[in-house]
Each structure stands twice: as structure tokens, then as C-alpha cells.
N, C-alpha and C. Protein backbone atom coordinates (compact mmCIF):
# COMPACT_ATOMS: atom_id res chain seq x y z
N MET A 1 0.85 -1.18 0.00
CA MET A 1 0.00 0.00 0.00
C MET A 1 0.90 1.24 0.00
N ALA A 2 0.54 2.20 -0.80
CA ALA A 2 1.33 3.42 -0.94
C ALA A 2 1.09 4.34 0.26
N THR A 3 2.14 5.05 0.63
CA THR A 3 2.00 6.02 1.72
C THR A 3 1.34 7.28 1.17
N HIS A 4 0.95 8.15 2.09
CA HIS A 4 0.34 9.42 1.67
C HIS A 4 1.33 10.25 0.85
N TYR A 5 2.60 10.15 1.20
CA TYR A 5 3.62 10.89 0.46
C TYR A 5 3.70 10.38 -0.98
N GLU A 6 3.71 9.06 -1.13
CA GLU A 6 3.78 8.47 -2.47
C GLU A 6 2.53 8.79 -3.27
N LEU A 7 1.37 8.78 -2.59
CA LEU A 7 0.11 9.06 -3.27
C LEU A 7 0.10 10.50 -3.83
N LEU A 8 0.62 11.44 -3.05
CA LEU A 8 0.66 12.83 -3.52
C LEU A 8 1.88 13.11 -4.38
N GLY A 9 2.86 12.20 -4.39
CA GLY A 9 4.03 12.36 -5.22
C GLY A 9 5.03 13.37 -4.67
N VAL A 10 5.18 13.40 -3.34
CA VAL A 10 6.13 14.32 -2.71
C VAL A 10 7.07 13.52 -1.81
N GLU A 11 8.20 14.14 -1.50
CA GLU A 11 9.17 13.53 -0.58
C GLU A 11 8.66 13.65 0.86
N PRO A 12 9.05 12.74 1.75
CA PRO A 12 8.62 12.83 3.14
C PRO A 12 9.06 14.11 3.85
N GLY A 13 10.11 14.73 3.43
CA GLY A 13 10.57 15.97 4.07
C GLY A 13 10.06 17.22 3.37
N ALA A 14 9.09 17.07 2.47
CA ALA A 14 8.61 18.21 1.67
C ALA A 14 7.90 19.24 2.56
N PRO A 15 8.06 20.52 2.25
CA PRO A 15 7.36 21.55 3.02
C PRO A 15 5.86 21.54 2.70
N LEU A 16 5.10 22.16 3.56
CA LEU A 16 3.65 22.17 3.44
C LEU A 16 3.20 22.79 2.11
N GLU A 17 3.89 23.83 1.64
CA GLU A 17 3.51 24.48 0.39
C GLU A 17 3.60 23.51 -0.79
N GLU A 18 4.65 22.68 -0.79
CA GLU A 18 4.83 21.71 -1.88
C GLU A 18 3.74 20.63 -1.82
N ILE A 19 3.41 20.21 -0.61
CA ILE A 19 2.37 19.19 -0.44
C ILE A 19 1.02 19.75 -0.90
N GLN A 20 0.76 21.00 -0.53
CA GLN A 20 -0.50 21.63 -0.94
C GLN A 20 -0.58 21.77 -2.45
N ARG A 21 0.53 22.16 -3.08
CA ARG A 21 0.57 22.30 -4.53
C ARG A 21 0.31 20.95 -5.21
N ALA A 22 0.92 19.89 -4.70
CA ALA A 22 0.73 18.55 -5.26
C ALA A 22 -0.72 18.09 -5.09
N TYR A 23 -1.30 18.38 -3.92
CA TYR A 23 -2.70 18.01 -3.68
C TYR A 23 -3.62 18.72 -4.67
N ARG A 24 -3.41 20.02 -4.87
CA ARG A 24 -4.28 20.78 -5.78
C ARG A 24 -4.17 20.28 -7.22
N LEU A 25 -2.96 19.96 -7.65
CA LEU A 25 -2.80 19.44 -9.01
C LEU A 25 -3.51 18.11 -9.19
N LEU A 26 -3.35 17.23 -8.19
CA LEU A 26 -4.03 15.94 -8.27
C LEU A 26 -5.55 16.10 -8.18
N ALA A 27 -6.00 17.04 -7.36
CA ALA A 27 -7.44 17.27 -7.24
C ALA A 27 -8.02 17.78 -8.56
N LEU A 28 -7.27 18.59 -9.27
CA LEU A 28 -7.74 19.07 -10.58
C LEU A 28 -7.86 17.93 -11.58
N ARG A 29 -6.98 16.94 -11.46
CA ARG A 29 -7.01 15.82 -12.40
C ARG A 29 -8.06 14.76 -12.04
N HIS A 30 -8.31 14.60 -10.74
CA HIS A 30 -9.13 13.46 -10.31
C HIS A 30 -10.46 13.83 -9.68
N HIS A 31 -10.79 15.11 -9.57
CA HIS A 31 -12.07 15.49 -8.95
C HIS A 31 -13.21 15.19 -9.91
N PRO A 32 -14.30 14.59 -9.42
CA PRO A 32 -15.42 14.23 -10.31
C PRO A 32 -16.08 15.44 -10.99
N ASP A 33 -16.02 16.61 -10.38
CA ASP A 33 -16.63 17.78 -11.00
C ASP A 33 -15.80 18.28 -12.18
N VAL A 34 -14.51 18.01 -12.16
CA VAL A 34 -13.62 18.47 -13.23
C VAL A 34 -13.45 17.38 -14.29
N ALA A 35 -13.23 16.17 -13.84
CA ALA A 35 -13.05 15.03 -14.75
C ALA A 35 -14.18 14.04 -14.48
N PRO A 36 -15.23 14.05 -15.30
CA PRO A 36 -16.40 13.18 -15.04
C PRO A 36 -16.06 11.68 -15.01
N ASP A 37 -15.02 11.26 -15.71
CA ASP A 37 -14.66 9.84 -15.73
C ASP A 37 -13.66 9.49 -14.62
N ALA A 38 -13.42 10.39 -13.69
CA ALA A 38 -12.46 10.16 -12.61
C ALA A 38 -13.01 9.14 -11.61
N ASP A 39 -12.08 8.44 -10.99
CA ASP A 39 -12.43 7.42 -10.01
C ASP A 39 -12.65 8.09 -8.64
N PRO A 40 -13.85 7.98 -8.06
CA PRO A 40 -14.11 8.60 -6.76
C PRO A 40 -13.25 8.03 -5.63
N VAL A 41 -12.83 6.79 -5.75
CA VAL A 41 -11.99 6.17 -4.73
C VAL A 41 -10.61 6.83 -4.72
N THR A 42 -10.08 7.14 -5.90
CA THR A 42 -8.79 7.81 -6.00
C THR A 42 -8.87 9.20 -5.38
N MET A 43 -9.96 9.90 -5.65
CA MET A 43 -10.12 11.25 -5.09
C MET A 43 -10.26 11.17 -3.58
N ALA A 44 -10.94 10.17 -3.07
CA ALA A 44 -11.07 10.01 -1.62
C ALA A 44 -9.71 9.74 -0.99
N ALA A 45 -8.86 8.96 -1.65
CA ALA A 45 -7.52 8.68 -1.13
C ALA A 45 -6.67 9.95 -1.15
N ILE A 46 -6.80 10.75 -2.19
CA ILE A 46 -6.05 12.01 -2.28
C ILE A 46 -6.50 12.96 -1.17
N ASN A 47 -7.81 13.05 -0.94
CA ASN A 47 -8.33 13.89 0.15
C ASN A 47 -7.84 13.41 1.51
N SER A 48 -7.80 12.10 1.68
CA SER A 48 -7.34 11.54 2.95
C SER A 48 -5.87 11.87 3.18
N ALA A 49 -5.07 11.75 2.12
CA ALA A 49 -3.64 12.07 2.24
C ALA A 49 -3.45 13.53 2.58
N TRP A 50 -4.22 14.41 1.96
CA TRP A 50 -4.11 15.84 2.24
C TRP A 50 -4.56 16.17 3.67
N SER A 51 -5.62 15.50 4.13
CA SER A 51 -6.10 15.79 5.48
C SER A 51 -5.06 15.41 6.54
N VAL A 52 -4.25 14.41 6.26
CA VAL A 52 -3.21 14.01 7.20
C VAL A 52 -1.96 14.89 7.03
N LEU A 53 -1.47 15.02 5.80
CA LEU A 53 -0.21 15.74 5.57
C LEU A 53 -0.39 17.26 5.64
N GLY A 54 -1.60 17.74 5.49
CA GLY A 54 -1.85 19.18 5.56
C GLY A 54 -1.92 19.71 6.98
N ASP A 55 -2.09 18.82 7.95
CA ASP A 55 -2.16 19.22 9.35
C ASP A 55 -0.85 18.83 10.03
N PRO A 56 -0.06 19.79 10.55
CA PRO A 56 1.25 19.44 11.13
C PRO A 56 1.18 18.42 12.26
N GLY A 57 0.16 18.49 13.09
CA GLY A 57 0.03 17.53 14.19
C GLY A 57 -0.25 16.12 13.68
N ARG A 58 -1.19 16.01 12.76
CA ARG A 58 -1.52 14.70 12.20
C ARG A 58 -0.36 14.15 11.37
N ARG A 59 0.37 15.06 10.72
CA ARG A 59 1.51 14.63 9.90
C ARG A 59 2.61 14.04 10.79
N SER A 60 2.91 14.68 11.93
CA SER A 60 3.96 14.15 12.81
C SER A 60 3.53 12.80 13.39
N THR A 61 2.25 12.64 13.70
CA THR A 61 1.75 11.34 14.19
C THR A 61 1.87 10.29 13.10
N TYR A 62 1.54 10.66 11.87
CA TYR A 62 1.63 9.73 10.74
C TYR A 62 3.08 9.33 10.50
N ASP A 63 3.99 10.33 10.56
CA ASP A 63 5.41 10.03 10.35
C ASP A 63 5.94 9.08 11.44
N ALA A 64 5.47 9.29 12.68
CA ALA A 64 5.90 8.40 13.77
C ALA A 64 5.37 6.98 13.54
N ALA A 65 4.16 6.87 13.00
CA ALA A 65 3.59 5.55 12.73
C ALA A 65 4.34 4.86 11.60
N LEU A 66 4.88 5.64 10.66
CA LEU A 66 5.67 5.07 9.58
C LEU A 66 7.08 4.69 10.04
N GLY A 67 7.45 5.16 11.22
CA GLY A 67 8.78 4.88 11.73
C GLY A 67 9.82 5.89 11.27
N ARG A 68 9.37 6.98 10.76
CA ARG A 68 10.29 8.05 10.35
C ARG A 68 10.61 8.90 11.56
N PRO A 69 11.85 9.31 11.69
CA PRO A 69 12.15 10.24 12.78
C PRO A 69 11.46 11.58 12.51
N GLU A 70 11.10 12.24 13.60
CA GLU A 70 10.41 13.51 13.44
C GLU A 70 11.34 14.53 12.79
N ALA A 71 10.80 15.21 11.84
CA ALA A 71 11.59 16.20 11.10
C ALA A 71 11.95 17.35 12.04
N PRO A 72 13.17 17.84 11.93
CA PRO A 72 13.53 18.97 12.78
C PRO A 72 12.68 20.19 12.43
N ALA A 73 12.38 20.94 13.46
CA ALA A 73 11.54 22.13 13.23
C ALA A 73 12.32 23.13 12.39
N ARG A 74 11.64 23.67 11.42
CA ARG A 74 12.26 24.68 10.57
C ARG A 74 12.26 26.01 11.30
N PRO A 75 13.33 26.76 11.14
CA PRO A 75 13.32 28.07 11.78
C PRO A 75 12.27 28.97 11.11
N THR A 76 11.56 29.68 11.92
CA THR A 76 10.54 30.57 11.37
C THR A 76 11.20 31.86 10.92
N PRO A 77 10.75 32.38 9.79
CA PRO A 77 11.33 33.63 9.32
C PRO A 77 10.94 34.77 10.25
N PRO A 78 11.76 35.79 10.32
CA PRO A 78 11.41 36.91 11.19
C PRO A 78 10.13 37.59 10.70
N PRO A 79 9.35 38.13 11.62
CA PRO A 79 8.11 38.78 11.20
C PRO A 79 8.42 39.98 10.31
N THR A 80 7.56 40.17 9.33
CA THR A 80 7.76 41.29 8.41
C THR A 80 6.80 42.41 8.77
N THR A 81 7.16 43.59 8.37
CA THR A 81 6.32 44.75 8.64
C THR A 81 5.36 45.01 7.49
N GLY A 82 5.40 44.18 6.47
CA GLY A 82 4.54 44.39 5.32
C GLY A 82 5.23 45.21 4.24
N TRP A 83 6.41 45.72 4.54
CA TRP A 83 7.14 46.50 3.56
C TRP A 83 7.86 45.57 2.61
N GLN A 84 7.77 45.86 1.37
CA GLN A 84 8.48 45.11 0.35
C GLN A 84 9.35 46.08 -0.44
N PRO A 85 10.53 45.67 -0.86
CA PRO A 85 11.36 46.57 -1.64
C PRO A 85 10.72 46.88 -2.98
N PHE A 86 11.00 48.04 -3.48
CA PHE A 86 10.47 48.49 -4.75
C PHE A 86 11.16 47.72 -5.87
N GLU A 87 10.37 47.04 -6.68
CA GLU A 87 10.93 46.32 -7.81
C GLU A 87 10.77 47.17 -9.05
N TYR A 88 11.87 47.52 -9.64
CA TYR A 88 11.87 48.41 -10.79
C TYR A 88 12.23 47.61 -12.02
N ASP A 89 11.23 47.35 -12.87
CA ASP A 89 11.52 46.59 -14.07
C ASP A 89 10.94 47.25 -15.32
N ASP A 90 10.49 48.48 -15.23
CA ASP A 90 9.90 49.15 -16.37
C ASP A 90 10.91 50.14 -16.95
N ASP A 91 11.40 49.86 -18.13
CA ASP A 91 12.41 50.71 -18.74
C ASP A 91 11.81 51.96 -19.38
N ASP A 92 10.47 52.00 -19.54
CA ASP A 92 9.84 53.14 -20.20
C ASP A 92 9.67 54.34 -19.27
N VAL A 93 9.81 54.15 -17.99
CA VAL A 93 9.60 55.23 -17.03
C VAL A 93 10.90 55.99 -16.85
N ASP A 94 10.82 57.33 -16.86
CA ASP A 94 12.02 58.15 -16.74
C ASP A 94 12.50 58.31 -15.30
N ASP A 95 11.61 58.09 -14.32
CA ASP A 95 12.00 58.26 -12.92
C ASP A 95 12.91 57.13 -12.47
N ASP A 96 14.01 57.50 -11.87
CA ASP A 96 14.91 56.52 -11.30
C ASP A 96 14.50 56.29 -9.85
N PRO A 97 14.22 55.06 -9.44
CA PRO A 97 13.75 54.83 -8.08
C PRO A 97 14.77 55.24 -7.03
N GLU A 98 16.02 55.29 -7.39
CA GLU A 98 17.04 55.70 -6.43
C GLU A 98 16.94 57.19 -6.13
N GLU A 99 16.36 57.94 -7.06
CA GLU A 99 16.25 59.38 -6.87
C GLU A 99 14.95 59.79 -6.19
N LEU A 100 14.04 58.85 -5.99
CA LEU A 100 12.77 59.17 -5.34
C LEU A 100 13.00 59.45 -3.87
N SER A 101 12.20 60.33 -3.33
CA SER A 101 12.34 60.72 -1.93
C SER A 101 11.77 59.64 -1.01
N ASP A 102 12.42 59.40 0.09
CA ASP A 102 11.91 58.46 1.08
C ASP A 102 11.10 59.16 2.16
N ASP A 103 10.99 60.50 2.06
CA ASP A 103 10.23 61.25 3.05
C ASP A 103 8.75 60.97 2.88
N PRO A 104 8.02 60.84 3.98
CA PRO A 104 6.58 60.62 3.86
C PRO A 104 5.90 61.85 3.29
N TYR A 105 4.77 61.63 2.66
CA TYR A 105 4.01 62.71 2.06
C TYR A 105 3.41 63.59 3.15
N THR A 106 3.61 64.88 3.03
CA THR A 106 2.96 65.83 3.93
C THR A 106 2.17 66.79 3.07
N PRO A 107 0.88 66.90 3.32
CA PRO A 107 0.06 67.78 2.49
C PRO A 107 0.48 69.24 2.65
N VAL A 108 0.25 69.99 1.60
CA VAL A 108 0.59 71.40 1.61
C VAL A 108 -0.36 72.11 2.56
N GLU A 109 0.18 73.01 3.36
CA GLU A 109 -0.65 73.77 4.29
C GLU A 109 -1.51 74.73 3.49
N ARG A 110 -2.80 74.69 3.73
CA ARG A 110 -3.73 75.56 3.02
C ARG A 110 -4.00 76.80 3.85
N ARG A 111 -4.11 77.91 3.15
CA ARG A 111 -4.43 79.18 3.81
C ARG A 111 -5.85 79.57 3.45
N PRO A 112 -6.48 80.42 4.24
CA PRO A 112 -7.83 80.87 3.89
C PRO A 112 -7.88 81.55 2.52
N SER A 113 -6.79 82.18 2.11
CA SER A 113 -6.80 82.85 0.81
C SER A 113 -6.88 81.84 -0.34
N ASP A 114 -6.56 80.57 -0.08
CA ASP A 114 -6.69 79.56 -1.12
C ASP A 114 -8.15 79.30 -1.48
N MET A 115 -9.05 79.66 -0.62
CA MET A 115 -10.47 79.50 -0.90
C MET A 115 -10.98 80.56 -1.87
N LEU A 116 -10.09 81.41 -2.34
CA LEU A 116 -10.44 82.44 -3.31
C LEU A 116 -11.04 81.83 -4.57
N VAL A 117 -10.70 80.61 -4.86
CA VAL A 117 -11.22 79.93 -6.04
C VAL A 117 -12.74 79.80 -5.96
N MET A 118 -13.28 79.73 -4.77
CA MET A 118 -14.73 79.59 -4.60
C MET A 118 -15.48 80.91 -4.77
N THR A 119 -14.78 82.02 -4.76
CA THR A 119 -15.43 83.33 -4.85
C THR A 119 -16.27 83.48 -6.10
N PRO A 120 -15.80 83.13 -7.30
CA PRO A 120 -16.66 83.28 -8.48
C PRO A 120 -17.92 82.44 -8.41
N VAL A 121 -17.83 81.28 -7.83
CA VAL A 121 -19.02 80.44 -7.70
C VAL A 121 -20.04 81.12 -6.80
N LEU A 122 -19.56 81.66 -5.69
CA LEU A 122 -20.46 82.37 -4.78
C LEU A 122 -21.05 83.60 -5.43
N LEU A 123 -20.26 84.30 -6.24
CA LEU A 123 -20.77 85.49 -6.94
C LEU A 123 -21.87 85.13 -7.93
N ILE A 124 -21.69 84.07 -8.69
CA ILE A 124 -22.71 83.70 -9.67
C ILE A 124 -23.98 83.22 -8.99
N VAL A 125 -23.83 82.50 -7.88
CA VAL A 125 -25.02 82.06 -7.12
C VAL A 125 -25.73 83.27 -6.54
N GLY A 126 -24.96 84.20 -6.02
CA GLY A 126 -25.56 85.43 -5.49
C GLY A 126 -26.24 86.24 -6.58
N ALA A 127 -25.66 86.31 -7.78
CA ALA A 127 -26.26 87.06 -8.89
C ALA A 127 -27.59 86.45 -9.30
N VAL A 128 -27.63 85.14 -9.39
CA VAL A 128 -28.89 84.46 -9.76
C VAL A 128 -29.93 84.68 -8.68
N GLY A 129 -29.52 84.56 -7.42
CA GLY A 129 -30.46 84.79 -6.32
C GLY A 129 -30.99 86.22 -6.31
N LEU A 130 -30.09 87.18 -6.48
CA LEU A 130 -30.53 88.59 -6.53
C LEU A 130 -31.45 88.86 -7.70
N PHE A 131 -31.19 88.21 -8.83
CA PHE A 131 -32.04 88.41 -10.01
C PHE A 131 -33.47 87.97 -9.72
N PHE A 132 -33.62 86.81 -9.07
CA PHE A 132 -34.97 86.33 -8.75
C PHE A 132 -35.64 87.21 -7.70
N VAL A 133 -34.87 87.68 -6.75
CA VAL A 133 -35.43 88.59 -5.74
C VAL A 133 -35.87 89.89 -6.40
N SER A 134 -35.07 90.39 -7.37
CA SER A 134 -35.42 91.64 -8.05
C SER A 134 -36.68 91.48 -8.89
N ILE A 135 -36.87 90.31 -9.47
CA ILE A 135 -38.09 90.07 -10.26
C ILE A 135 -39.30 90.04 -9.33
N MET A 136 -39.17 89.36 -8.18
CA MET A 136 -40.31 89.28 -7.27
C MET A 136 -40.61 90.62 -6.62
N SER A 137 -39.59 91.42 -6.37
CA SER A 137 -39.83 92.71 -5.70
C SER A 137 -40.04 93.84 -6.70
N GLY A 138 -39.69 93.62 -7.96
CA GLY A 138 -39.87 94.65 -8.98
C GLY A 138 -38.80 95.74 -8.90
N SER A 139 -37.68 95.47 -8.24
CA SER A 139 -36.64 96.46 -8.06
C SER A 139 -35.68 96.42 -9.24
N SER A 140 -35.61 97.53 -9.99
CA SER A 140 -34.71 97.57 -11.14
C SER A 140 -33.26 97.74 -10.68
N GLY A 141 -33.03 98.32 -9.52
CA GLY A 141 -31.68 98.49 -9.00
C GLY A 141 -31.03 97.16 -8.67
N LEU A 142 -31.80 96.26 -8.01
CA LEU A 142 -31.27 94.92 -7.70
C LEU A 142 -31.02 94.13 -8.98
N ARG A 143 -31.93 94.30 -9.96
CA ARG A 143 -31.78 93.59 -11.22
C ARG A 143 -30.49 94.03 -11.92
N THR A 144 -30.23 95.32 -11.94
CA THR A 144 -29.01 95.85 -12.56
C THR A 144 -27.77 95.34 -11.82
N PHE A 145 -27.83 95.36 -10.50
CA PHE A 145 -26.69 94.89 -9.71
C PHE A 145 -26.41 93.40 -9.97
N SER A 146 -27.49 92.58 -10.05
CA SER A 146 -27.31 91.15 -10.29
C SER A 146 -26.73 90.91 -11.68
N MET A 147 -27.11 91.73 -12.65
CA MET A 147 -26.55 91.56 -14.00
C MET A 147 -25.10 92.00 -14.07
N LEU A 148 -24.70 92.94 -13.23
CA LEU A 148 -23.30 93.36 -13.18
C LEU A 148 -22.43 92.30 -12.49
N LEU A 149 -23.03 91.53 -11.59
CA LEU A 149 -22.27 90.48 -10.90
C LEU A 149 -21.89 89.32 -11.83
N VAL A 150 -22.67 89.09 -12.89
CA VAL A 150 -22.40 87.96 -13.79
C VAL A 150 -21.05 88.14 -14.50
N PRO A 151 -20.75 89.30 -15.17
CA PRO A 151 -19.43 89.41 -15.81
C PRO A 151 -18.29 89.47 -14.78
N VAL A 152 -18.56 90.04 -13.60
CA VAL A 152 -17.52 90.07 -12.56
C VAL A 152 -17.17 88.64 -12.14
N SER A 153 -18.17 87.80 -11.98
CA SER A 153 -17.90 86.40 -11.61
C SER A 153 -17.22 85.67 -12.77
N GLY A 154 -17.53 86.01 -14.02
CA GLY A 154 -16.86 85.40 -15.17
C GLY A 154 -15.38 85.70 -15.17
N VAL A 155 -15.03 86.96 -14.87
CA VAL A 155 -13.62 87.33 -14.77
C VAL A 155 -12.99 86.59 -13.59
N GLY A 156 -13.73 86.43 -12.52
CA GLY A 156 -13.23 85.72 -11.35
C GLY A 156 -12.93 84.25 -11.63
N PHE A 157 -13.74 83.63 -12.53
CA PHE A 157 -13.49 82.23 -12.88
C PHE A 157 -12.14 82.06 -13.56
N VAL A 158 -11.65 83.09 -14.21
CA VAL A 158 -10.34 83.03 -14.87
C VAL A 158 -9.24 83.47 -13.91
N MET A 159 -9.47 84.57 -13.20
CA MET A 159 -8.41 85.17 -12.40
C MET A 159 -8.13 84.46 -11.07
N ALA A 160 -9.14 83.97 -10.40
CA ALA A 160 -8.94 83.36 -9.08
C ALA A 160 -8.03 82.13 -9.14
N PRO A 161 -8.26 81.19 -10.07
CA PRO A 161 -7.34 80.05 -10.11
C PRO A 161 -5.91 80.46 -10.47
N LEU A 162 -5.77 81.43 -11.36
CA LEU A 162 -4.42 81.90 -11.71
C LEU A 162 -3.73 82.49 -10.49
N PHE A 163 -4.47 83.27 -9.72
CA PHE A 163 -3.91 83.87 -8.52
C PHE A 163 -3.46 82.80 -7.52
N VAL A 164 -4.29 81.79 -7.31
CA VAL A 164 -3.95 80.72 -6.36
C VAL A 164 -2.75 79.92 -6.86
N MET A 165 -2.69 79.64 -8.17
CA MET A 165 -1.53 78.90 -8.71
C MET A 165 -0.25 79.70 -8.55
N LEU A 166 -0.30 81.01 -8.81
CA LEU A 166 0.89 81.84 -8.63
C LEU A 166 1.35 81.86 -7.18
N ARG A 167 0.39 81.92 -6.27
CA ARG A 167 0.74 81.92 -4.84
C ARG A 167 1.37 80.60 -4.44
N SER A 168 0.80 79.48 -4.93
CA SER A 168 1.37 78.17 -4.56
C SER A 168 2.74 77.99 -5.19
N LYS A 169 2.94 78.52 -6.40
CA LYS A 169 4.25 78.43 -7.03
C LYS A 169 5.29 79.22 -6.24
N SER A 170 4.91 80.42 -5.80
CA SER A 170 5.85 81.22 -5.02
C SER A 170 6.14 80.57 -3.67
N ARG A 171 5.14 79.88 -3.10
CA ARG A 171 5.34 79.18 -1.83
C ARG A 171 6.32 78.02 -1.99
N THR A 172 6.19 77.25 -3.09
CA THR A 172 7.08 76.10 -3.30
C THR A 172 8.49 76.57 -3.62
N GLU A 173 8.62 77.67 -4.35
CA GLU A 173 9.97 78.19 -4.65
C GLU A 173 10.66 78.70 -3.39
N SER A 174 9.91 79.37 -2.54
CA SER A 174 10.51 79.86 -1.31
C SER A 174 10.80 78.71 -0.35
N GLY A 175 9.98 77.63 -0.39
CA GLY A 175 10.21 76.48 0.48
C GLY A 175 11.41 75.66 0.03
N SER A 176 11.71 75.64 -1.28
CA SER A 176 12.83 74.84 -1.75
C SER A 176 14.16 75.54 -1.52
N ASP A 177 14.16 76.86 -1.27
CA ASP A 177 15.40 77.59 -1.04
C ASP A 177 15.93 77.34 0.36
N GLU A 178 15.06 76.91 1.27
CA GLU A 178 15.48 76.75 2.66
C GLU A 178 16.35 75.54 2.86
């Protein structure tokens, strides 16, 4: 009668990963759902071998029953922090990974003046609101004021982002000189 090791086609000292890989390959070949003409007895024997060799406690008991000396415990690898080295294999990218900064990302400090970009939006909303109020109240002065706010907000849609970009550019230039 073949041992579980022989049935799975692995050496008695094989690591668990190798045994699992052998079990999965055999299961793909002999499982009735994958191979309709497969022998269910063979699949049951493969499952039995995996249930013994896949469990370290049952495997050591099985090895003792076979008369094999207990395998020495493998040293466990040191725990990892989840960090993996950067693998650079793309020749099309111009950035050299050695030149990349190892400093953590720190967001740019925002100032209240950076909200200037929202001013044109608020002006256009205010112009539309004033226009409807002027229609309901019949005030030609409010209507004129609301119509003057529309081109002012249009200019603001162009100028405000430019102003903020210029400020951020001057901030980064002054920060890199330090």
C-alpha cells in the first residue's frame, strides 16, 4: 500500500507548500466535477492524504507511525512589517527609483486665501439669487446689480485660479530655497 507521500508524489521531508501544490494538481485531475470519468476512490484517497499531511500535528503522528524520525523544526522567518522593496523593471519610465524621496508625504498647508477659487461660484449664485429677488420685488436696482455680478464672476473664474496657482508656485519656490 502506498504512503500518503507516495500518493501525492512528494518527498517525506517536503514543506507544506509543496504538499498543498501537489494536492491541488491531483485534485484538478481526479475530482469528479472536473473530470467526469475520474475514479471517486482515488479522489477520496487524495483527500485523505491531504487531510493528514496538511495538518502538522496529524503529519507528525503519521510520520511516527511510519517509523520516520520527526523532522527537525524549521526556523521561522522573522516577522515582516509588510514593507516590500520596490521592484523596478519598467524601462519606459524616466524616474529613477534611487532618486525618489523616502520622506513621507505631507500635504501642503492651506491658507484661507486659497479659498479664493470659490469666490466666483459664490458670486454667480448670489447674482442668480438677486435676479430672482429683483423680479419678485420689482426692483430695477437689484436687477441691474445682479446683471453686473455675472461678468464680474466670469472674470473671477479666470483670475482666481491663476492667482492661487501663482501663490502656490511662489510658496514652493521659497520652500525649496530653505
